């Protein structure tokens, strides 16, 4: 594709010809592997985790893939966060420190246990939590830290663990977007006390929904298993319930799909990485488009999202929403606005008010860098990164075309 030839064309949003008319790679990806495993479940008549072997097999394989000893599967990533926090001893009145720039489940998991999420700001270069801000937020009520590996890039786990050890806190990694990611050569998930992953529809490996808690801790793993299985104990009687738990068991259908997805993931990871590396170079040439940086200590990025900071002043002061609409019209629909920071979330404000009173809302510490990211950052979805070089070139071409028209 000749990028020079389209830079002065009329924008598609204004009735011109789009940069591209062919779709990006579809998601999810499935083939005969998923079909075969699903048929095995169908014909076995063993459709639940406790009767079949697909979920337990997947849990063991995924934990090993992440360099962890154990894994307990649950129906979704939100349940994984809630179960992980409870297993780490988080309960009513405790505080859990996390980032403001994340999906609401990171905070709602703590709130569902009667705990208070305490939000701290980000490193604007990466979008990840800033360990120095964590240290300043610790109080006598703090029980745990939940660093989020935003977009698939590991947070600064060295800094997080130092703060946690200094104050006797537990660390639950929110690795919902970080399958296979590495921090200084170690797979994320069990660098802290435990880690949670999501297999929701948009994720790099998916069963439509699904989640898992991984850990190296024997006792923590047994507690998670009990919590996800209505308080039963391993080798115990069917109606032997030692603690109050939930029915957080995954179905064999999901386990079957995830076995196939895990087999495919290593095939897809280098494709996404190559696309991201190409975009790093191509987009660096476009004023006002700044891909977020990768920390040099990250030895593998999962590339769930490709986050970009958008400077409207270099695009004729057109707002981010207008830029996204123009990109969609140019045939690049795999791009959207980023998170609304949780410090601004009405749902979080209501929950804090109901649980802890109005002062808890008024006392939310400002997170100006997360707020700035909420206004400026947009991202490209992981399925687009499975495209070829021409697909990546078309993303840059569309951005250049829009900029030329709006200057």
Protein backbone atom coordinates (compact mmCIF):
# COMPACT_ATOMS: atom_id res chain seq x y z
CA UNK A 1 0.00 0.00 0.00
CA UNK A 2 1.36 3.44 -0.96
CA UNK A 3 1.01 5.56 2.16
CA UNK A 4 1.96 8.73 0.30
CA UNK A 5 -0.91 8.39 -2.19
CA UNK A 6 -3.68 8.50 0.42
CA UNK A 7 -2.39 11.20 2.74
CA UNK A 8 -4.38 13.94 1.03
CA UNK A 9 -7.44 11.89 0.05
CA UNK A 10 -10.88 12.87 1.30
CA UNK A 11 -11.65 11.09 4.55
CA UNK A 12 -14.07 8.16 4.45
CA UNK A 13 -16.04 9.75 7.30
CA UNK A 14 -16.65 12.67 4.91
CA UNK A 15 -17.67 10.47 2.00
CA UNK A 16 -14.27 9.54 0.59
CA UNK A 17 -12.85 6.10 -0.12
CA UNK A 18 -11.68 4.18 2.96
CA UNK A 19 -8.06 3.24 3.43
CA UNK A 20 -9.04 -0.44 3.48
CA UNK A 21 -12.13 -2.50 2.79
CA UNK A 22 -10.95 -5.94 3.85
CA UNK A 23 -11.56 -7.06 7.45
CA UNK A 24 -8.89 -7.63 10.05
CA UNK A 25 -8.48 -11.19 11.38
CA UNK A 26 -11.69 -12.44 12.99
CA UNK A 27 -11.90 -13.37 16.64
CA UNK A 28 -12.14 -15.90 18.21
CA UNK A 29 -9.96 -18.36 16.34
CA UNK A 30 -10.99 -22.03 16.45
CA UNK A 31 -10.44 -25.14 14.37
CA UNK A 32 -10.73 -28.90 14.58
CA UNK A 33 -8.89 -28.92 17.91
CA UNK A 34 -11.76 -27.22 19.74
CA UNK A 35 -14.29 -29.30 17.83
CA UNK A 36 -12.61 -32.59 18.74
CA UNK A 37 -12.31 -31.76 22.43
CA UNK A 38 -15.89 -30.48 22.66
CA UNK A 39 -17.16 -33.67 21.06
CA UNK A 40 -15.18 -35.68 23.58
CA UNK A 41 -17.00 -33.87 26.37
CA UNK A 42 -20.37 -34.29 24.65
CA UNK A 43 -20.00 -38.03 24.20
CA UNK A 44 -18.44 -38.62 27.61
CA UNK A 45 -21.55 -37.47 29.45
CA UNK A 46 -19.20 -35.79 31.95
CA UNK A 47 -19.98 -32.12 31.54
CA UNK A 48 -19.01 -30.76 34.96
CA UNK A 49 -15.56 -30.21 36.44
CA UNK A 50 -15.97 -32.78 39.20
CA UNK A 51 -16.94 -35.56 36.81
CA UNK A 52 -14.61 -34.93 33.87
CA UNK A 53 -10.92 -34.25 33.34
CA UNK A 54 -10.74 -31.33 30.90
CA UNK A 55 -10.82 -28.55 33.52
CA UNK A 56 -8.28 -30.18 35.82
CA UNK A 57 -6.00 -30.96 32.87
CA UNK A 58 -6.22 -27.39 31.62
CA UNK A 59 -5.59 -25.95 35.09
CA UNK A 60 -2.40 -27.97 35.43
CA UNK A 61 -1.17 -27.15 31.93
CA UNK A 62 -1.91 -23.45 32.18
CA UNK A 63 -0.27 -23.18 35.59
CA UNK A 64 2.83 -24.87 34.17
CA UNK A 65 2.72 -22.52 31.17
CA UNK A 66 2.86 -19.59 33.58
CA UNK A 67 5.61 -21.18 35.64
CA UNK A 68 3.31 -21.80 38.61
CA UNK A 69 2.75 -25.01 40.59
CA UNK A 70 -1.04 -24.85 40.80
CA UNK A 71 -4.15 -23.49 39.16
CA UNK A 72 -7.84 -23.44 40.12
CA UNK A 73 -10.31 -22.64 37.34
CA UNK A 74 -13.43 -20.52 37.81
CA UNK A 75 -16.21 -19.28 35.48
CA UNK A 76 -14.68 -15.83 34.85
CA UNK A 77 -11.86 -13.47 35.72
CA UNK A 78 -13.92 -11.42 38.16
CA UNK A 79 -14.59 -14.51 40.25
CA UNK A 80 -10.88 -15.31 40.10
CA UNK A 81 -10.06 -11.91 41.60
CA UNK A 82 -12.68 -12.26 44.32
CA UNK A 83 -11.58 -15.77 45.23
CA UNK A 84 -7.90 -14.83 45.16
CA UNK A 85 -8.43 -11.88 47.48
CA UNK A 86 -10.50 -13.91 49.92
CA UNK A 87 -7.91 -16.68 49.94
CA UNK A 88 -5.29 -14.07 50.81
CA UNK A 89 -7.33 -13.06 53.84
CA UNK A 90 -9.03 -9.93 52.55
CA UNK A 91 -12.32 -9.22 54.29
CA UNK A 92 -14.63 -6.51 55.62
CA UNK A 93 -12.89 -3.25 56.52
CA UNK A 94 -9.57 -4.16 54.90
CA UNK A 95 -7.95 -1.98 52.24
CA UNK A 96 -6.66 -3.20 48.90
CA UNK A 97 -4.33 -0.95 46.93
CA UNK A 98 -4.66 -1.02 43.15
CA UNK A 99 -4.49 1.20 40.09
CA UNK A 100 -7.19 3.63 39.03
CA UNK A 101 -6.54 2.78 35.36
CA UNK A 102 -8.10 -0.67 35.08
CA UNK A 103 -11.33 -2.53 34.46
CA UNK A 104 -13.94 -2.20 37.20
CA UNK A 105 -13.63 -5.86 38.27
CA UNK A 106 -10.25 -5.18 39.87
CA UNK A 107 -12.01 -2.97 42.41
CA UNK A 108 -15.43 -4.64 42.54
CA UNK A 109 -13.79 -7.90 43.67
CA UNK A 110 -12.54 -6.15 46.81
CA UNK A 111 -15.85 -4.37 47.36
CA UNK A 112 -17.76 -7.64 47.11
CA UNK A 113 -15.77 -8.84 50.13
CA UNK A 114 -16.52 -5.69 52.10
CA UNK A 115 -13.01 -4.35 51.52
CA UNK A 116 -12.12 -0.87 50.35
CA UNK A 117 -10.16 -0.37 47.12
CA UNK A 118 -7.56 2.38 47.45
CA UNK A 119 -6.55 3.81 44.10
CA UNK A 120 -3.07 5.05 43.25
CA UNK A 121 -1.66 6.63 40.13
CA UNK A 122 0.19 5.15 37.19
CA UNK A 123 3.52 5.46 35.46
CA UNK A 124 2.42 7.44 32.38
CA UNK A 125 5.03 5.77 30.21
CA UNK A 126 3.54 2.28 30.59
CA UNK A 127 0.05 2.79 32.02
CA UNK A 128 0.92 0.48 34.92
CA UNK A 129 0.73 1.14 38.65
CA UNK A 130 3.56 3.21 40.16
CA UNK A 131 5.16 1.37 43.12
CA UNK A 132 6.25 4.65 44.72
CA UNK A 133 2.61 5.73 44.89
CA UNK A 134 1.73 2.38 46.48
CA UNK A 135 4.12 2.95 49.36
CA UNK A 136 2.51 6.30 50.14
CA UNK A 137 -0.98 4.74 50.24
CA UNK A 138 -0.26 2.02 52.81
CA UNK A 139 -2.20 2.32 56.09
CA UNK A 140 -2.66 -0.02 59.08
CA UNK A 141 -5.79 -1.36 57.32
CA UNK A 142 -4.00 -2.32 54.11
CA UNK A 143 -4.11 -6.07 53.50
CA UNK A 144 -3.11 -6.57 49.86
CA UNK A 145 -1.79 -4.98 46.67
CA UNK A 146 -3.30 -5.81 43.27
CA UNK A 147 -0.96 -4.73 40.46
CA UNK A 148 -2.60 -4.91 37.03
CA UNK A 149 -0.55 -5.97 34.01
CA UNK A 150 -2.20 -3.44 31.72
CA UNK A 151 -2.58 -4.50 28.10
CA UNK A 152 -0.36 -7.52 28.69
CA UNK A 153 2.71 -5.61 29.94
CA UNK A 154 3.84 -6.75 33.39
CA UNK A 155 3.72 -4.10 36.08
CA UNK A 156 6.89 -3.23 38.00
CA UNK A 157 6.79 -6.34 40.15
CA UNK A 158 10.19 -5.65 41.68
CA UNK A 159 8.89 -2.42 43.13
CA UNK A 160 5.54 -3.90 44.14
CA UNK A 161 7.09 -6.85 45.96
CA UNK A 162 9.54 -4.60 47.82
CA UNK A 163 6.66 -2.49 49.17
CA UNK A 164 4.65 -5.61 50.03
CA UNK A 165 7.51 -7.23 51.93
CA UNK A 166 8.33 -4.02 53.79
CA UNK A 167 4.76 -3.74 55.09
CA UNK A 168 3.80 -7.41 55.38
CA UNK A 169 1.23 -7.26 52.57
CA UNK A 170 -0.02 -9.90 50.15
CA UNK A 171 0.23 -9.48 46.37
CA UNK A 172 -2.44 -10.69 43.94
CA UNK A 173 -1.41 -10.09 40.33
CA UNK A 174 -4.30 -9.09 38.08
CA UNK A 175 -2.97 -10.80 34.97
CA UNK A 176 -6.30 -10.82 33.13
CA UNK A 177 -4.50 -9.60 29.99
CA UNK A 178 -1.07 -11.17 30.48
CA UNK A 179 -1.02 -14.83 29.37
CA UNK A 180 2.61 -15.80 28.78
CA UNK A 181 3.98 -12.39 29.78
CA UNK A 182 7.35 -12.31 31.53
CA UNK A 183 8.98 -9.98 34.02
CA UNK A 184 12.77 -10.35 33.97
CA UNK A 185 12.51 -13.87 32.57
CA UNK A 186 9.76 -15.09 34.93
CA UNK A 187 6.21 -15.69 33.79
CA UNK A 188 3.74 -13.51 35.66
CA UNK A 189 1.07 -14.89 37.96
CA UNK A 190 3.09 -16.51 40.71
CA UNK A 191 5.69 -13.80 41.24
CA UNK A 192 3.31 -12.42 43.85
CA UNK A 193 1.44 -14.69 46.26
CA UNK A 194 -1.03 -15.54 43.51
CA UNK A 195 -2.28 -14.29 40.16
CA UNK A 196 -5.54 -14.26 38.24
CA UNK A 197 -6.21 -14.60 34.52
CA UNK A 198 -9.29 -14.12 32.37
CA UNK A 199 -10.51 -16.06 29.35
CA UNK A 200 -13.35 -13.71 28.45
CA UNK A 201 -14.39 -13.32 24.81
CA UNK A 202 -11.96 -10.53 23.89
CA UNK A 203 -8.93 -12.17 25.49
CA UNK A 204 -5.94 -13.67 23.65
CA UNK A 205 -7.17 -17.12 24.63
CA UNK A 206 -10.86 -17.53 25.29
CA UNK A 207 -13.74 -19.85 26.04
CA UNK A 208 -16.23 -16.99 25.89
CA UNK A 209 -15.81 -16.71 29.66
CA UNK A 210 -13.44 -18.26 32.15
CA UNK A 211 -10.80 -17.51 34.75
CA UNK A 212 -8.08 -19.09 36.85
CA UNK A 213 -6.08 -18.43 40.02
CA UNK A 214 -2.45 -19.62 39.91
CA UNK A 215 -0.03 -19.87 42.82
CA UNK A 216 3.06 -21.67 44.10
CA UNK A 217 1.66 -21.83 47.63
CA UNK A 218 0.34 -25.27 48.64
CA UNK A 219 -1.99 -24.01 51.37
CA UNK A 220 -3.29 -21.15 49.23
CA UNK A 221 -4.05 -23.54 46.40
CA UNK A 222 -5.97 -25.88 48.71
CA UNK A 223 -7.95 -22.95 50.08
CA UNK A 224 -8.82 -21.73 46.56
CA UNK A 225 -9.93 -25.24 45.62
CA UNK A 226 -12.17 -25.36 48.67
CA UNK A 227 -13.56 -21.87 48.07
CA UNK A 228 -14.44 -22.64 44.45
CA UNK A 229 -16.11 -25.93 45.43
CA UNK A 230 -18.63 -24.72 48.07
CA UNK A 231 -16.20 -25.22 50.94
CA UNK A 232 -15.48 -28.90 50.35
CA UNK A 233 -12.06 -30.33 51.14
CA UNK A 234 -9.99 -32.57 48.93
CA UNK A 235 -10.66 -36.25 49.62
CA UNK A 236 -13.53 -35.23 51.90
CA UNK A 237 -17.13 -36.42 51.81
CA UNK A 238 -19.60 -34.87 49.36
CA UNK A 239 -21.49 -33.03 52.10
CA UNK A 240 -18.40 -32.17 54.13
CA UNK A 241 -18.15 -28.36 54.05
CA UNK A 242 -15.39 -26.96 56.25
CA UNK A 243 -15.74 -23.30 55.20
CA UNK A 244 -18.27 -21.19 53.36
CA UNK A 245 -17.38 -21.14 49.69
CA UNK A 246 -19.04 -20.63 46.34
CA UNK A 247 -19.91 -22.78 43.37
CA UNK A 248 -17.23 -21.22 41.19
CA UNK A 249 -16.59 -24.37 39.16
CA UNK A 250 -15.82 -24.17 35.44
CA UNK A 251 -17.69 -26.45 33.01
CA UNK A 252 -15.94 -29.14 31.02
CA UNK A 253 -17.06 -27.32 27.86
CA UNK A 254 -14.93 -24.33 28.77
CA UNK A 255 -12.05 -26.55 29.83
CA UNK A 256 -12.11 -28.32 26.47
CA UNK A 257 -12.01 -25.08 24.51
CA UNK A 258 -9.23 -23.68 26.67
CA UNK A 259 -7.04 -26.74 26.16
CA UNK A 260 -7.13 -26.03 22.43
CA UNK A 261 -6.67 -22.29 22.94
CA UNK A 262 -3.61 -22.88 25.11
CA UNK A 263 -2.11 -25.10 22.43
CA UNK A 264 -2.59 -22.33 19.86
CA UNK A 265 -1.38 -19.41 22.00
CA UNK A 266 2.37 -20.00 21.45
CA UNK A 267 1.72 -19.96 17.71
CA UNK A 268 0.02 -16.56 17.95
CA UNK A 269 2.30 -14.78 20.41
CA UNK A 270 5.19 -14.09 17.99
CA UNK A 271 2.74 -12.84 15.36
CA UNK A 272 1.32 -10.26 17.76
CA UNK A 273 4.80 -9.29 18.91
CA UNK A 274 6.04 -8.75 15.35
CA UNK A 275 3.02 -6.59 14.55
CA UNK A 276 3.54 -4.50 17.68
CA UNK A 277 7.22 -4.04 16.88
CA UNK A 278 6.33 -2.87 13.39
CA UNK A 279 3.74 -0.42 14.71
CA UNK A 280 6.28 0.95 17.19
CA UNK A 281 8.40 2.08 14.26
CA UNK A 282 5.64 3.14 11.88
CA UNK A 283 3.63 5.17 14.39
CA UNK A 284 6.71 6.90 15.79
CA UNK A 285 6.77 8.86 12.52
CA UNK A 286 3.29 10.33 13.11
CA UNK A 287 3.25 13.47 15.29
CA UNK A 288 0.65 13.22 18.02
CA UNK A 289 0.58 9.41 18.05
CA UNK A 290 2.71 7.98 20.86
CA UNK A 291 2.63 4.25 21.63
CA UNK A 292 3.05 3.57 25.34
CA UNK A 293 6.52 2.38 26.25
CA UNK A 294 7.57 -1.11 27.26
CA UNK A 295 9.62 -1.33 30.46
CA UNK A 296 13.08 -2.65 29.63
CA UNK A 297 12.67 -5.29 32.36
CA UNK A 298 9.73 -6.83 30.51
CA UNK A 299 11.12 -9.86 28.70
CA UNK A 300 7.80 -10.81 27.11
CA UNK A 301 4.73 -8.65 26.49
CA UNK A 302 1.43 -10.50 26.01
CA UNK A 303 0.20 -7.84 23.54
CA UNK A 304 -3.45 -7.99 24.46
CA UNK A 305 -3.79 -4.29 23.72
CA UNK A 306 -1.64 -1.92 21.73
CA UNK A 307 -2.14 1.35 23.67
CA UNK A 308 -1.52 4.72 22.04
CA UNK A 309 -1.56 8.23 23.47
CA UNK A 310 -3.46 10.61 21.17
CA UNK A 311 -2.55 14.32 21.11
CA UNK A 312 -5.54 16.19 19.69
CA UNK A 313 -3.47 19.34 19.12
CA UNK A 314 -1.61 17.53 16.32
CA UNK A 315 -4.92 16.58 14.71
CA UNK A 316 -6.54 19.99 14.40
CA UNK A 317 -7.89 19.75 17.98
CA UNK A 318 -10.33 17.04 16.91
CA UNK A 319 -11.29 15.05 20.03
CA UNK A 320 -10.31 11.45 20.52
CA UNK A 321 -13.86 10.25 19.81
CA UNK A 322 -13.79 11.94 16.40
CA UNK A 323 -10.43 10.33 15.63
CA UNK A 324 -11.76 6.89 16.54
CA UNK A 325 -14.85 7.42 14.38
CA UNK A 326 -12.64 8.48 11.48
CA UNK A 327 -10.44 5.40 11.93
CA UNK A 328 -13.51 3.15 11.91
CA UNK A 329 -14.67 4.79 8.69
CA UNK A 330 -11.24 4.20 7.15
CA UNK A 331 -11.73 0.46 7.69
CA UNK A 332 -9.91 0.16 11.02
CA UNK A 333 -12.68 -0.82 13.46
CA UNK A 334 -10.34 -2.56 15.88
CA UNK A 335 -9.58 0.59 17.82
CA UNK A 336 -11.38 2.13 20.79
CA UNK A 337 -11.07 4.54 23.70
CA UNK A 338 -9.37 3.37 26.86
CA UNK A 339 -10.65 3.02 30.40
CA UNK A 340 -12.56 5.59 32.39
CA UNK A 341 -10.40 5.75 35.55
CA UNK A 342 -12.10 4.11 38.51
CA UNK A 343 -11.68 7.22 40.64
CA UNK A 344 -14.32 8.72 38.33
CA UNK A 345 -16.67 5.70 38.27
CA UNK A 346 -20.21 6.36 39.55
CA UNK A 347 -20.58 2.66 40.39
CA UNK A 348 -17.45 2.73 42.54
CA UNK A 349 -18.56 5.94 44.22
CA UNK A 350 -21.95 4.42 45.09
CA UNK A 351 -20.40 1.24 46.45
CA UNK A 352 -17.90 3.16 48.58
CA UNK A 353 -20.67 5.40 49.88
CA UNK A 354 -22.88 2.45 50.79
CA UNK A 355 -20.12 0.45 52.49
CA UNK A 356 -17.95 3.12 54.07
CA UNK A 357 -19.95 6.35 54.07
CA UNK A 358 -19.73 9.63 52.14
CA UNK A 359 -16.29 10.50 53.49
CA UNK A 360 -14.83 7.52 51.62
CA UNK A 361 -15.88 9.07 48.32
CA UNK A 362 -14.71 12.55 49.23
CA UNK A 363 -11.42 11.05 50.40
CA UNK A 364 -10.50 9.36 47.11
CA UNK A 365 -6.95 10.48 46.35
CA UNK A 366 -6.54 12.16 42.96
CA UNK A 367 -4.80 10.19 40.24
CA UNK A 368 -4.04 12.89 37.65
CA UNK A 369 -1.87 10.71 35.42
CA UNK A 370 -4.55 8.03 35.22
CA UNK A 371 -7.10 10.76 34.50
CA UNK A 372 -4.89 12.02 31.69
CA UNK A 373 -4.62 8.50 30.28
CA UNK A 374 -8.40 8.22 30.48
CA UNK A 375 -8.67 11.28 28.27
CA UNK A 376 -5.87 10.56 25.81
CA UNK A 377 -5.21 6.83 25.49
CA UNK A 378 -6.84 4.60 22.91
CA UNK A 379 -5.94 1.10 21.91
CA UNK A 380 -5.80 -1.42 19.10
CA UNK A 381 -7.22 -4.85 19.88
CA UNK A 382 -5.19 -8.04 19.91
CA UNK A 383 -6.97 -9.66 16.97
CA UNK A 384 -5.73 -6.87 14.70
CA UNK A 385 -2.17 -7.74 15.75
CA UNK A 386 -2.70 -11.18 14.21
CA UNK A 387 -2.80 -9.46 10.82
CA UNK A 388 0.06 -9.27 8.33
CA UNK A 389 2.44 -6.44 7.48
CA UNK A 390 -0.02 -4.89 5.04
CA UNK A 391 -2.67 -4.79 7.77
CA UNK A 392 -0.28 -2.96 10.11
CA UNK A 393 0.72 -0.60 7.31
CA UNK A 394 -2.93 0.27 6.74
CA UNK A 395 -3.31 1.36 10.38
CA UNK A 396 -0.46 3.84 10.01
CA UNK A 397 -1.75 4.95 6.62
CA UNK A 398 -5.21 5.69 7.99
CA UNK A 399 -3.74 7.75 10.82
CA UNK A 400 -1.57 9.75 8.42
CA UNK A 401 -4.53 10.33 6.12
CA UNK A 402 -6.65 11.66 8.98
CA UNK A 403 -3.86 13.90 10.22
CA UNK A 404 -3.29 15.37 6.75
CA UNK A 405 -7.00 16.16 6.39
CA UNK A 406 -7.31 17.75 9.85
CA UNK A 407 -4.22 19.91 9.99
